[in-house]
N, C-alpha and C. Protein backbone atom coordinates (compact mmCIF):
# COMPACT_ATOMS: atom_id res chain seq x y z
N UNK A 1 -114.11 120.51 -140.22
CA UNK A 1 -114.01 119.07 -140.48
C UNK A 1 -112.57 118.58 -140.28
N UNK A 2 -111.60 119.47 -140.45
CA UNK A 2 -110.21 119.07 -140.22
C UNK A 2 -109.98 118.63 -138.77
N UNK A 3 -110.60 119.32 -137.83
CA UNK A 3 -110.47 118.94 -136.42
C UNK A 3 -111.10 117.57 -136.20
N UNK A 4 -112.25 117.34 -136.82
CA UNK A 4 -112.91 116.03 -136.71
C UNK A 4 -112.02 114.94 -137.30
N UNK A 5 -111.35 115.22 -138.40
CA UNK A 5 -110.43 114.25 -138.99
C UNK A 5 -109.26 113.95 -138.05
N UNK A 6 -108.74 114.98 -137.38
CA UNK A 6 -107.66 114.76 -136.41
C UNK A 6 -108.14 113.84 -135.28
N UNK A 7 -109.37 114.08 -134.81
CA UNK A 7 -109.94 113.22 -133.76
C UNK A 7 -110.13 111.80 -134.26
N UNK A 8 -110.54 111.66 -135.52
CA UNK A 8 -110.70 110.33 -136.12
C UNK A 8 -109.36 109.60 -136.17
N UNK A 9 -108.31 110.32 -136.51
CA UNK A 9 -106.97 109.71 -136.54
C UNK A 9 -106.57 109.23 -135.14
N UNK A 10 -106.90 110.02 -134.12
CA UNK A 10 -106.62 109.60 -132.73
C UNK A 10 -107.35 108.30 -132.41
N UNK A 11 -108.61 108.22 -132.82
CA UNK A 11 -109.38 107.00 -132.58
C UNK A 11 -108.72 105.81 -133.26
N UNK A 12 -108.35 105.98 -134.51
CA UNK A 12 -107.70 104.90 -135.25
C UNK A 12 -106.40 104.46 -134.61
N UNK A 13 -105.63 105.42 -134.09
CA UNK A 13 -104.37 105.10 -133.42
C UNK A 13 -104.60 104.27 -132.15
N UNK A 14 -105.80 104.37 -131.58
CA UNK A 14 -106.16 103.59 -130.39
C UNK A 14 -106.95 102.33 -130.75
N UNK A 15 -106.90 101.93 -132.02
CA UNK A 15 -107.57 100.73 -132.52
C UNK A 15 -109.09 100.83 -132.51
N UNK A 16 -109.62 102.06 -132.48
CA UNK A 16 -111.05 102.28 -132.64
C UNK A 16 -111.31 102.72 -134.07
N UNK A 17 -112.49 102.43 -134.57
CA UNK A 17 -112.85 102.89 -135.90
C UNK A 17 -112.65 104.40 -135.96
N UNK A 18 -111.93 104.88 -136.96
CA UNK A 18 -111.57 106.30 -137.00
C UNK A 18 -112.73 107.21 -137.40
N UNK A 19 -113.46 107.63 -136.39
CA UNK A 19 -114.56 108.59 -136.56
C UNK A 19 -114.34 109.70 -135.55
N UNK A 20 -114.41 110.93 -136.03
CA UNK A 20 -114.26 112.09 -135.17
C UNK A 20 -115.39 113.06 -135.39
N UNK A 21 -115.66 113.88 -134.36
CA UNK A 21 -116.79 114.79 -134.41
C UNK A 21 -116.49 116.05 -133.60
N UNK A 22 -116.93 117.19 -134.12
CA UNK A 22 -116.87 118.43 -133.36
C UNK A 22 -118.22 119.13 -133.46
N UNK A 23 -118.53 119.90 -132.43
CA UNK A 23 -119.72 120.74 -132.42
C UNK A 23 -119.27 122.17 -132.28
N UNK A 24 -119.83 123.02 -133.12
CA UNK A 24 -119.45 124.43 -133.19
C UNK A 24 -120.65 125.28 -132.83
N UNK A 25 -120.43 126.29 -131.99
CA UNK A 25 -121.53 127.18 -131.61
C UNK A 25 -121.80 128.20 -132.73
N UNK A 26 -122.84 129.02 -132.60
CA UNK A 26 -123.17 129.96 -133.67
C UNK A 26 -122.05 130.96 -134.00
N UNK A 27 -121.14 131.21 -133.06
CA UNK A 27 -120.03 132.12 -133.30
C UNK A 27 -118.85 131.43 -133.97
N UNK A 28 -118.96 130.11 -134.20
CA UNK A 28 -117.89 129.36 -134.84
C UNK A 28 -116.86 128.80 -133.88
N UNK A 29 -117.16 128.80 -132.59
CA UNK A 29 -116.25 128.27 -131.58
C UNK A 29 -116.56 126.79 -131.35
N UNK A 30 -115.52 125.97 -131.33
CA UNK A 30 -115.70 124.54 -131.04
C UNK A 30 -116.06 124.40 -129.56
N UNK A 31 -117.25 123.84 -129.30
CA UNK A 31 -117.72 123.67 -127.93
C UNK A 31 -117.81 122.19 -127.52
N UNK A 32 -117.66 121.29 -128.48
CA UNK A 32 -117.72 119.86 -128.19
C UNK A 32 -116.81 119.08 -129.11
N UNK A 33 -116.13 118.11 -128.55
CA UNK A 33 -115.25 117.23 -129.32
C UNK A 33 -115.50 115.80 -128.91
N UNK A 34 -115.41 114.90 -129.88
CA UNK A 34 -115.57 113.49 -129.56
C UNK A 34 -114.93 112.64 -130.64
N UNK A 35 -114.59 111.44 -130.24
CA UNK A 35 -114.07 110.45 -131.19
C UNK A 35 -114.58 109.10 -130.78
N UNK A 36 -114.59 108.20 -131.72
CA UNK A 36 -115.07 106.86 -131.44
C UNK A 36 -114.19 106.24 -130.36
N UNK A 37 -114.83 105.66 -129.35
CA UNK A 37 -114.11 105.02 -128.25
C UNK A 37 -114.76 103.68 -127.86
N UNK A 38 -115.46 103.05 -128.79
CA UNK A 38 -116.15 101.80 -128.47
C UNK A 38 -115.19 100.72 -127.98
N UNK A 39 -114.09 100.54 -128.67
CA UNK A 39 -113.12 99.51 -128.27
C UNK A 39 -112.39 99.92 -127.00
N UNK A 40 -111.98 101.16 -126.93
CA UNK A 40 -111.25 101.66 -125.77
C UNK A 40 -112.08 101.56 -124.50
N UNK A 41 -113.33 101.99 -124.58
CA UNK A 41 -114.21 102.02 -123.41
C UNK A 41 -115.04 100.75 -123.23
N UNK A 42 -115.01 99.87 -124.25
CA UNK A 42 -115.85 98.67 -124.24
C UNK A 42 -117.31 99.05 -124.03
N UNK A 43 -117.76 100.02 -124.83
CA UNK A 43 -119.09 100.60 -124.66
C UNK A 43 -119.70 100.84 -126.05
N UNK A 44 -120.80 100.17 -126.34
CA UNK A 44 -121.45 100.29 -127.65
C UNK A 44 -121.94 101.70 -127.95
N UNK A 45 -122.18 102.49 -126.91
CA UNK A 45 -122.68 103.86 -127.11
C UNK A 45 -121.57 104.90 -127.21
N UNK A 46 -120.32 104.49 -127.18
CA UNK A 46 -119.20 105.43 -127.18
C UNK A 46 -118.85 105.87 -128.59
N UNK A 47 -119.82 106.43 -129.28
CA UNK A 47 -119.62 106.97 -130.62
C UNK A 47 -119.13 108.41 -130.54
N UNK A 48 -118.48 108.87 -131.59
CA UNK A 48 -117.92 110.22 -131.63
C UNK A 48 -118.98 111.29 -131.41
N UNK A 49 -120.14 111.14 -132.05
CA UNK A 49 -121.19 112.15 -131.93
C UNK A 49 -121.72 112.25 -130.50
N UNK A 50 -121.90 111.11 -129.86
CA UNK A 50 -122.41 111.11 -128.48
C UNK A 50 -121.42 111.82 -127.57
N UNK A 51 -120.13 111.51 -127.71
CA UNK A 51 -119.10 112.16 -126.89
C UNK A 51 -119.07 113.66 -127.14
N UNK A 52 -119.19 114.08 -128.40
CA UNK A 52 -119.16 115.51 -128.72
C UNK A 52 -120.40 116.22 -128.16
N UNK A 53 -121.55 115.57 -128.22
CA UNK A 53 -122.77 116.17 -127.68
C UNK A 53 -122.65 116.32 -126.17
N UNK A 54 -122.16 115.29 -125.48
CA UNK A 54 -121.97 115.38 -124.03
C UNK A 54 -121.01 116.52 -123.70
N UNK A 55 -119.92 116.61 -124.43
CA UNK A 55 -118.93 117.66 -124.19
C UNK A 55 -119.54 119.05 -124.43
N UNK A 56 -120.29 119.21 -125.51
CA UNK A 56 -120.92 120.50 -125.81
C UNK A 56 -121.94 120.89 -124.75
N UNK A 57 -122.73 119.92 -124.29
CA UNK A 57 -123.71 120.21 -123.24
C UNK A 57 -123.02 120.67 -121.96
N UNK A 58 -121.90 120.01 -121.62
CA UNK A 58 -121.15 120.42 -120.44
C UNK A 58 -120.55 121.81 -120.62
N UNK A 59 -120.01 122.08 -121.80
CA UNK A 59 -119.40 123.38 -122.08
C UNK A 59 -120.43 124.50 -122.01
N UNK A 60 -121.60 124.28 -122.61
CA UNK A 60 -122.63 125.32 -122.70
C UNK A 60 -123.57 125.33 -121.50
N UNK A 61 -123.55 124.28 -120.70
CA UNK A 61 -124.42 124.22 -119.53
C UNK A 61 -125.89 124.05 -119.87
N UNK A 62 -126.17 123.36 -120.97
CA UNK A 62 -127.56 123.16 -121.39
C UNK A 62 -127.62 121.93 -122.29
N UNK A 63 -128.74 121.23 -122.27
CA UNK A 63 -128.91 120.09 -123.17
C UNK A 63 -129.36 120.55 -124.55
N UNK A 64 -129.87 121.74 -124.63
CA UNK A 64 -130.30 122.29 -125.93
C UNK A 64 -129.10 122.91 -126.63
N UNK A 65 -128.77 122.40 -127.78
CA UNK A 65 -127.64 122.90 -128.56
C UNK A 65 -128.13 123.68 -129.77
N UNK A 66 -129.22 124.41 -129.58
CA UNK A 66 -129.81 125.22 -130.65
C UNK A 66 -128.77 126.19 -131.21
N UNK A 67 -128.76 126.30 -132.52
CA UNK A 67 -127.83 127.19 -133.19
C UNK A 67 -126.49 126.55 -133.50
N UNK A 68 -126.23 125.39 -132.91
CA UNK A 68 -124.95 124.72 -133.11
C UNK A 68 -124.96 123.87 -134.39
N UNK A 69 -123.76 123.59 -134.85
CA UNK A 69 -123.54 122.71 -136.00
C UNK A 69 -122.64 121.57 -135.58
N UNK A 70 -122.89 120.39 -136.13
CA UNK A 70 -122.04 119.23 -135.86
C UNK A 70 -121.33 118.84 -137.15
N UNK A 71 -120.05 118.54 -137.02
CA UNK A 71 -119.21 118.08 -138.13
C UNK A 71 -118.70 116.70 -137.74
N UNK A 72 -119.03 115.70 -138.54
CA UNK A 72 -118.61 114.33 -138.23
C UNK A 72 -118.08 113.68 -139.50
N UNK A 73 -117.05 112.87 -139.34
CA UNK A 73 -116.36 112.30 -140.49
C UNK A 73 -117.13 111.18 -141.19
N UNK A 74 -118.14 110.61 -140.51
CA UNK A 74 -118.91 109.51 -141.08
C UNK A 74 -120.40 109.76 -140.85
N UNK A 75 -121.20 109.47 -141.84
CA UNK A 75 -122.66 109.61 -141.73
C UNK A 75 -123.16 108.93 -140.46
N UNK A 76 -123.93 109.64 -139.65
CA UNK A 76 -124.37 109.09 -138.37
C UNK A 76 -125.27 107.86 -138.49
N UNK A 77 -125.13 106.99 -137.48
CA UNK A 77 -125.99 105.82 -137.34
C UNK A 77 -127.33 106.28 -136.73
N UNK A 78 -128.31 105.39 -136.58
CA UNK A 78 -129.60 105.79 -136.01
C UNK A 78 -129.49 106.38 -134.59
N UNK A 79 -128.63 105.79 -133.76
CA UNK A 79 -128.47 106.29 -132.40
C UNK A 79 -127.95 107.73 -132.41
N UNK A 80 -126.94 107.98 -133.21
CA UNK A 80 -126.34 109.31 -133.24
C UNK A 80 -127.23 110.31 -133.96
N UNK A 81 -127.92 109.88 -134.99
CA UNK A 81 -128.88 110.78 -135.66
C UNK A 81 -129.95 111.20 -134.67
N UNK A 82 -130.45 110.26 -133.88
CA UNK A 82 -131.45 110.58 -132.87
C UNK A 82 -130.91 111.55 -131.84
N UNK A 83 -129.66 111.37 -131.42
CA UNK A 83 -129.06 112.27 -130.44
C UNK A 83 -128.92 113.68 -131.00
N UNK A 84 -128.57 113.79 -132.29
CA UNK A 84 -128.48 115.11 -132.93
C UNK A 84 -129.84 115.79 -132.92
N UNK A 85 -130.87 115.05 -133.29
CA UNK A 85 -132.23 115.60 -133.30
C UNK A 85 -132.64 116.02 -131.90
N UNK A 86 -132.46 115.14 -130.93
CA UNK A 86 -132.93 115.40 -129.57
C UNK A 86 -132.17 116.52 -128.87
N UNK A 87 -130.94 116.79 -129.31
CA UNK A 87 -130.17 117.88 -128.69
C UNK A 87 -130.43 119.22 -129.37
N UNK A 88 -131.30 119.22 -130.37
CA UNK A 88 -131.73 120.45 -131.05
C UNK A 88 -130.63 121.13 -131.88
N UNK A 89 -129.65 120.35 -132.31
CA UNK A 89 -128.60 120.88 -133.20
C UNK A 89 -129.27 121.31 -134.50
N UNK A 90 -128.83 122.43 -135.05
CA UNK A 90 -129.45 122.98 -136.26
C UNK A 90 -128.92 122.40 -137.57
N UNK A 91 -127.60 122.15 -137.63
CA UNK A 91 -126.98 121.73 -138.87
C UNK A 91 -126.04 120.55 -138.64
N UNK A 92 -126.06 119.62 -139.58
CA UNK A 92 -125.19 118.46 -139.55
C UNK A 92 -124.41 118.40 -140.86
N UNK A 93 -123.09 118.33 -140.74
CA UNK A 93 -122.20 118.18 -141.88
C UNK A 93 -121.44 116.88 -141.67
N UNK A 94 -121.50 115.99 -142.65
CA UNK A 94 -120.76 114.73 -142.51
C UNK A 94 -119.88 114.49 -143.73
N UNK A 95 -118.87 113.66 -143.53
CA UNK A 95 -117.91 113.36 -144.59
C UNK A 95 -118.33 112.18 -145.43
N UNK A 96 -117.91 110.99 -145.04
CA UNK A 96 -118.17 109.77 -145.82
C UNK A 96 -119.57 109.22 -145.56
N UNK A 97 -120.13 108.63 -146.59
CA UNK A 97 -121.42 107.92 -146.44
C UNK A 97 -121.17 106.60 -145.73
N UNK A 98 -122.20 106.10 -145.05
CA UNK A 98 -122.11 104.83 -144.31
C UNK A 98 -123.19 103.90 -144.84
N UNK A 99 -122.84 103.03 -145.80
CA UNK A 99 -123.86 102.21 -146.46
C UNK A 99 -124.52 101.16 -145.57
N UNK A 100 -123.95 100.85 -144.41
CA UNK A 100 -124.52 99.81 -143.55
C UNK A 100 -125.47 100.36 -142.49
N UNK A 101 -125.17 101.55 -141.95
CA UNK A 101 -126.00 102.09 -140.86
C UNK A 101 -126.34 103.56 -141.02
N UNK A 102 -125.95 104.16 -142.12
CA UNK A 102 -126.14 105.60 -142.32
C UNK A 102 -127.60 106.03 -142.25
N UNK A 103 -127.86 107.02 -141.43
CA UNK A 103 -129.23 107.46 -141.20
C UNK A 103 -129.51 108.87 -141.69
N UNK A 104 -128.73 109.29 -142.69
CA UNK A 104 -128.97 110.56 -143.40
C UNK A 104 -129.37 110.27 -144.84
N UNK A 105 -129.73 109.04 -145.11
CA UNK A 105 -130.16 108.67 -146.45
C UNK A 105 -129.55 107.40 -147.01
N UNK A 106 -128.42 106.94 -146.48
CA UNK A 106 -127.80 105.73 -147.03
C UNK A 106 -128.64 104.49 -146.78
N UNK A 107 -129.14 104.31 -145.56
CA UNK A 107 -130.04 103.21 -145.25
C UNK A 107 -131.45 103.76 -145.06
N UNK A 108 -131.56 104.80 -144.28
CA UNK A 108 -132.81 105.51 -144.07
C UNK A 108 -132.45 106.95 -143.72
N UNK A 109 -133.45 107.80 -143.66
CA UNK A 109 -133.20 109.19 -143.31
C UNK A 109 -134.08 109.57 -142.12
N UNK A 110 -133.53 109.44 -140.92
CA UNK A 110 -134.29 109.79 -139.72
C UNK A 110 -134.63 111.28 -139.68
N UNK A 111 -133.87 112.07 -140.39
CA UNK A 111 -134.08 113.52 -140.37
C UNK A 111 -135.30 113.95 -141.18
N UNK A 112 -135.89 113.02 -141.90
CA UNK A 112 -137.11 113.31 -142.66
C UNK A 112 -138.37 113.03 -141.84
N UNK A 113 -138.21 112.40 -140.70
CA UNK A 113 -139.36 112.05 -139.86
C UNK A 113 -139.85 113.28 -139.09
N UNK A 114 -141.13 113.31 -138.75
CA UNK A 114 -141.71 114.50 -138.09
C UNK A 114 -141.47 114.54 -136.58
N UNK A 115 -140.21 114.72 -136.18
CA UNK A 115 -139.87 114.74 -134.77
C UNK A 115 -140.12 116.08 -134.09
N UNK A 116 -140.43 117.11 -134.85
CA UNK A 116 -140.66 118.42 -134.25
C UNK A 116 -139.43 119.30 -134.28
N UNK A 117 -138.31 118.75 -134.66
CA UNK A 117 -137.08 119.55 -134.83
C UNK A 117 -136.42 119.12 -136.13
N UNK A 118 -136.20 120.06 -137.00
CA UNK A 118 -135.57 119.77 -138.29
C UNK A 118 -134.10 120.16 -138.26
N UNK A 119 -133.28 119.29 -138.80
CA UNK A 119 -131.84 119.51 -138.88
C UNK A 119 -131.48 119.63 -140.36
N UNK A 120 -130.72 120.64 -140.70
CA UNK A 120 -130.24 120.82 -142.06
C UNK A 120 -129.02 119.91 -142.26
N UNK A 121 -129.06 119.06 -143.30
CA UNK A 121 -128.02 118.05 -143.54
C UNK A 121 -127.21 118.39 -144.79
N UNK A 122 -125.89 118.31 -144.67
CA UNK A 122 -125.00 118.43 -145.82
C UNK A 122 -123.98 117.31 -145.74
N UNK A 123 -123.93 116.47 -146.74
CA UNK A 123 -122.99 115.36 -146.76
C UNK A 123 -121.88 115.59 -147.76
N UNK A 124 -120.85 114.78 -147.65
CA UNK A 124 -119.75 114.81 -148.61
C UNK A 124 -118.66 115.82 -148.30
N UNK A 125 -118.63 116.36 -147.09
CA UNK A 125 -117.59 117.32 -146.71
C UNK A 125 -116.27 116.56 -146.50
N UNK A 126 -115.27 116.87 -147.30
CA UNK A 126 -113.99 116.16 -147.27
C UNK A 126 -114.20 114.65 -147.33
N UNK A 127 -115.17 114.24 -148.13
CA UNK A 127 -115.54 112.82 -148.21
C UNK A 127 -114.37 111.92 -148.59
N UNK A 128 -113.54 112.35 -149.53
CA UNK A 128 -112.42 111.52 -149.96
C UNK A 128 -111.44 111.29 -148.81
N UNK A 129 -111.15 112.34 -148.05
CA UNK A 129 -110.23 112.21 -146.90
C UNK A 129 -110.82 111.31 -145.83
N UNK A 130 -112.11 111.50 -145.54
CA UNK A 130 -112.78 110.69 -144.53
C UNK A 130 -112.84 109.23 -144.95
N UNK A 131 -113.19 108.98 -146.20
CA UNK A 131 -113.27 107.60 -146.72
C UNK A 131 -111.91 106.93 -146.73
N UNK A 132 -110.88 107.67 -147.14
CA UNK A 132 -109.53 107.11 -147.19
C UNK A 132 -109.06 106.68 -145.81
N UNK A 133 -109.36 107.49 -144.81
CA UNK A 133 -108.96 107.16 -143.44
C UNK A 133 -109.62 105.85 -142.99
N UNK A 134 -110.90 105.71 -143.29
CA UNK A 134 -111.62 104.49 -142.93
C UNK A 134 -111.11 103.29 -143.71
N UNK A 135 -110.90 103.46 -145.01
CA UNK A 135 -110.41 102.35 -145.85
C UNK A 135 -109.05 101.86 -145.39
N UNK A 136 -108.16 102.80 -145.09
CA UNK A 136 -106.82 102.44 -144.62
C UNK A 136 -106.90 101.68 -143.29
N UNK A 137 -107.74 102.13 -142.39
CA UNK A 137 -107.90 101.48 -141.08
C UNK A 137 -108.37 100.03 -141.26
N UNK A 138 -109.42 99.84 -142.06
CA UNK A 138 -109.96 98.49 -142.21
C UNK A 138 -109.04 97.59 -143.03
N UNK A 139 -108.30 98.17 -143.95
CA UNK A 139 -107.31 97.38 -144.69
C UNK A 139 -106.23 96.84 -143.76
N UNK A 140 -105.75 97.68 -142.85
CA UNK A 140 -104.73 97.24 -141.88
C UNK A 140 -105.33 96.22 -140.92
N UNK A 141 -106.58 96.41 -140.53
CA UNK A 141 -107.25 95.49 -139.61
C UNK A 141 -107.36 94.10 -140.21
N UNK A 142 -107.59 94.05 -141.52
CA UNK A 142 -107.73 92.78 -142.22
C UNK A 142 -106.37 92.19 -142.61
N UNK A 143 -105.31 92.90 -142.28
CA UNK A 143 -103.97 92.41 -142.59
C UNK A 143 -103.50 92.76 -143.99
N UNK A 144 -104.17 93.77 -144.59
CA UNK A 144 -103.82 94.15 -145.97
C UNK A 144 -102.92 95.26 -146.00
């Protein structure tokens, strides 16, 4: 999660919402990295999880990321939760809860639906650090 936090800081430094994500293979090797780039790329789909999944697929040469784990600093939105499910990732670890779009239980839990692939979810990993990074970013954005 520390690597994901570093990526989130990079996003924030580029005026993007500070969200970072890494994907780790079963041996514990980071195979995918991503950070929020919506503002930078002017692309609504440029979320950290999507970038990390694309990177991991390229690294592993397969769309199936079975056995992999994803670490993301913010609870995934519906789009990213769906991408995690569809890429066959086994475990999801997230930091801060997302009360507006969180799809691991804050708004809804897409992972409880019968999609044919179950993902093990653990939330609250370095939650205080992840939340503080987001709070500081939005406070500065609002001029506080």
